[in-house]
C-alpha atoms as a PDB file:
ATOM      1  CA  MET A   1       8.740 -10.384  -0.663  1.00  0.00           C
ATOM      2  CA  LYS A   2       5.118 -11.110   0.200  1.00  0.00           C
ATOM      3  CA  LEU A   3       2.391  -9.122  -1.536  1.00  0.00           C
ATOM      4  CA  SER A   4       1.374  -7.394   1.704  1.00  0.00           C
ATOM      5  CA  GLU A   5       4.993  -6.301   2.216  1.00  0.00           C
ATOM      6  CA  ALA A   6       5.164  -5.015  -1.355  1.00  0.00           C
ATOM      7  CA  VAL A   7       1.974  -2.985  -0.872  1.00  0.00           C
ATOM      8  CA  ALA A   8       3.355  -1.484   2.349  1.00  0.00           C
ATOM      9  CA  PHE A   9       6.702  -0.713   0.690  1.00  0.00           C
ATOM     10  CA  ARG A  10       5.031   0.941  -2.301  1.00  0.00           C
ATOM     11  CA  THR A  11       2.667   2.894  -0.057  1.00  0.00           C
ATOM     12  CA  LYS A  12       5.602   4.250   1.961  1.00  0.00           C
ATOM     13  CA  GLU A  13       7.407   5.123  -1.252  1.00  0.00           C
ATOM     14  CA  ILE A  14       4.440   7.114  -2.573  1.00  0.00           C
ATOM     15  CA  LEU A  15       3.875   8.808   0.775  1.00  0.00           C
ATOM     16  CA  LYS A  16       7.431  10.164   0.530  1.00  0.00           C
ATOM     17  CA  GLN A  17       6.970  11.233  -3.100  1.00  0.00           C
ATOM     18  CA  LYS A  18       3.766  13.082  -2.281  1.00  0.00           C
ATOM     19  CA  THR A  19       5.110  14.436   1.033  1.00  0.00           C
ATOM     20  CA  MET A  20       1.982  13.025   2.616  1.00  0.00           C
ATOM     21  CA  SER A  21       1.721  11.654   6.134  1.00  0.00           C
ATOM     22  CA  GLN A  22       0.279   8.272   6.993  1.00  0.00           C
ATOM     23  CA  TYR A  23      -2.361  10.121   9.024  1.00  0.00           C
ATOM     24  CA  GLN A  24      -3.417  12.088   5.926  1.00  0.00           C
ATOM     25  CA  LEU A  25      -3.610   8.852   3.958  1.00  0.00           C
ATOM     26  CA  GLU A  26      -5.770   7.264   6.651  1.00  0.00           C
ATOM     27  CA  LYS A  27      -8.189  10.205   6.624  1.00  0.00           C
ATOM     28  CA  THR A  28      -8.364  10.432   2.831  1.00  0.00           C
ATOM     29  CA  SER A  29      -8.738   6.688   2.342  1.00  0.00           C
ATOM     30  CA  THR A  30     -11.089   6.157   5.328  1.00  0.00           C
ATOM     31  CA  ILE A  31      -8.904   3.257   6.456  1.00  0.00           C
ATOM     32  CA  HIS A  32      -8.871   2.871  10.232  1.00  0.00           C
ATOM     33  CA  HIS A  33      -5.617   3.748  11.959  1.00  0.00           C
ATOM     34  CA  GLY A  34      -5.176   0.239  13.378  1.00  0.00           C
ATOM     35  CA  THR A  35      -5.668  -1.369   9.987  1.00  0.00           C
ATOM     36  CA  MET A  36      -3.181   0.974   8.354  1.00  0.00           C
ATOM     37  CA  MET A  37      -0.635   0.438  11.130  1.00  0.00           C
ATOM     38  CA  ASP A  38      -0.946  -3.346  10.849  1.00  0.00           C
ATOM     39  CA  LEU A  39      -0.498  -3.163   7.072  1.00  0.00           C
ATOM     40  CA  MET A  40       2.482  -0.813   7.240  1.00  0.00           C
ATOM     41  CA  GLN A  41       4.217  -2.782  10.010  1.00  0.00           C
ATOM     42  CA  GLY A  42       3.788  -6.114   8.275  1.00  0.00           C
ATOM     43  CA  VAL A  43       1.376  -7.612  10.792  1.00  0.00           C
ATOM     44  CA  TYR A  44      -0.907  -8.751   7.978  1.00  0.00           C
ATOM     45  CA  LYS A  45       0.327 -11.687   5.922  1.00  0.00           C
ATOM     46  CA  THR A  46      -2.293 -10.983   3.261  1.00  0.00           C
ATOM     47  CA  VAL A  47      -3.779  -7.762   1.977  1.00  0.00           C
ATOM     48  CA  ASN A  48      -7.379  -7.082   1.037  1.00  0.00           C
ATOM     49  CA  PHE A  49      -7.856  -5.748  -2.502  1.00  0.00           C
ATOM     50  CA  LYS A  50     -10.437  -3.262  -1.242  1.00  0.00           C
ATOM     51  CA  THR A  51      -7.812  -1.805   1.108  1.00  0.00           C
ATOM     52  CA  VAL A  52      -5.326  -1.503  -1.744  1.00  0.00           C
ATOM     53  CA  MET A  53      -7.923   0.257  -3.900  1.00  0.00           C
ATOM     54  CA  LEU A  54      -8.763   2.689  -1.083  1.00  0.00           C
ATOM     55  CA  ILE A  55      -5.067   3.545  -0.823  1.00  0.00           C
ATOM     56  CA  ILE A  56      -4.728   3.985  -4.595  1.00  0.00           C
ATOM     57  CA  ARG A  57      -7.768   6.256  -4.742  1.00  0.00           C
ATOM     58  CA  ALA A  58      -6.520   8.290  -1.781  1.00  0.00           C
ATOM     59  CA  PHE A  59      -3.302   8.856  -3.706  1.00  0.00           C
ATOM     60  CA  ASP A  60      -5.439   9.967  -6.681  1.00  0.00           C
ATOM     61  CA  MET A  61      -3.592   7.677  -9.040  1.00  0.00           C
ATOM     62  CA  LYS A  62      -4.387   4.930 -11.512  1.00  0.00           C
ATOM     63  CA  THR A  63      -4.153   1.311 -10.399  1.00  0.00           C
ATOM     64  CA  SER A  64      -1.533   0.637 -13.064  1.00  0.00           C
ATOM     65  CA  GLU A  65       0.561   3.534 -11.759  1.00  0.00           C
ATOM     66  CA  PHE A  66       0.532   2.114  -8.218  1.00  0.00           C
ATOM     67  CA  PHE A  67       1.570  -1.350  -9.410  1.00  0.00           C
ATOM     68  CA  ASN A  68       4.200   0.021 -11.807  1.00  0.00           C
ATOM     69  CA  SER A  69       7.089  -0.758  -9.485  1.00  0.00           C
ATOM     70  CA  PRO A  70       9.798  -3.426  -9.441  1.00  0.00           C
ATOM     71  CA  VAL A  71       8.476  -4.703  -6.097  1.00  0.00           C
ATOM     72  CA  PHE A  72       5.480  -6.124  -7.968  1.00  0.00           C
ATOM     73  CA  ASP A  73       7.555  -7.948 -10.601  1.00  0.00           C
ATOM     74  CA  ASP A  74       6.764 -11.676 -10.615  1.00  0.00           C
ATOM     75  CA  GLU A  75      10.289 -12.694  -9.680  1.00  0.00           C
ATOM     76  CA  ASN A  76      10.191 -10.424  -6.616  1.00  0.00           C
ATOM     77  CA  LEU A  77       6.905 -11.676  -5.167  1.00  0.00           C
ATOM     78  CA  ASP A  78       6.453 -14.667  -2.910  1.00  0.00           C
ATOM     79  CA  ILE A  79       2.835 -15.764  -3.237  1.00  0.00           C
ATOM     80  CA  ASP A  80       3.015 -18.898  -1.086  1.00  0.00           C
END
């Protein structure tokens, strides 16, 4: 799994946990709708760290909490 896919997967997972809509996340994080849609649909092959941090802050969670998921384990990530 590519890092951008892992970020999208984890974001969707947390949205469900928090019963939060993608629209609410966009408004809270100030990420443009098009950018969020491209990230969530896997259009982007890379992900900007600033975007990830905006998502994490919008979820009101620690960075370590966001990345504490098996999708971010080394053996699960394709970084090529």
